[in-house]
């Protein structure tokens, strides 16, 4: 919601018609260094991660990390996208380099287990 637009949401992100509805567990805003750039990263209970471009109104990137996403955070939201970290169930995290994008494989990342117990 935006204070200048109180009666309706700035963006509405709904699944496609007939697609299952998942619970969103984590949200982060980033890439807010200018008025022409805004994204929101969302992590879901089934491991889906979606990067939504709020200016263009479209999905920029999506993947699945195999476990429910408990946390999503950009390194800083007032600069161009640099890093995005996801924390998941089963004590894992994934660190994405948002400056390195392959058209087929997506963003480069490091995935690691945080510790041995859950």
Foldseek 3Di string as FASTA:
>chain_A
DDPVCPPDDLADDDDDPPDDDFAWQEKEKAQQQDPQWIWMWTWTQQQKIWIATSNVRGTDDIDGPRGGWNYWYFPDRNHGGAWIKTAGPPQKMKIWGQVAADPPPGTDIDIDHRDDGD
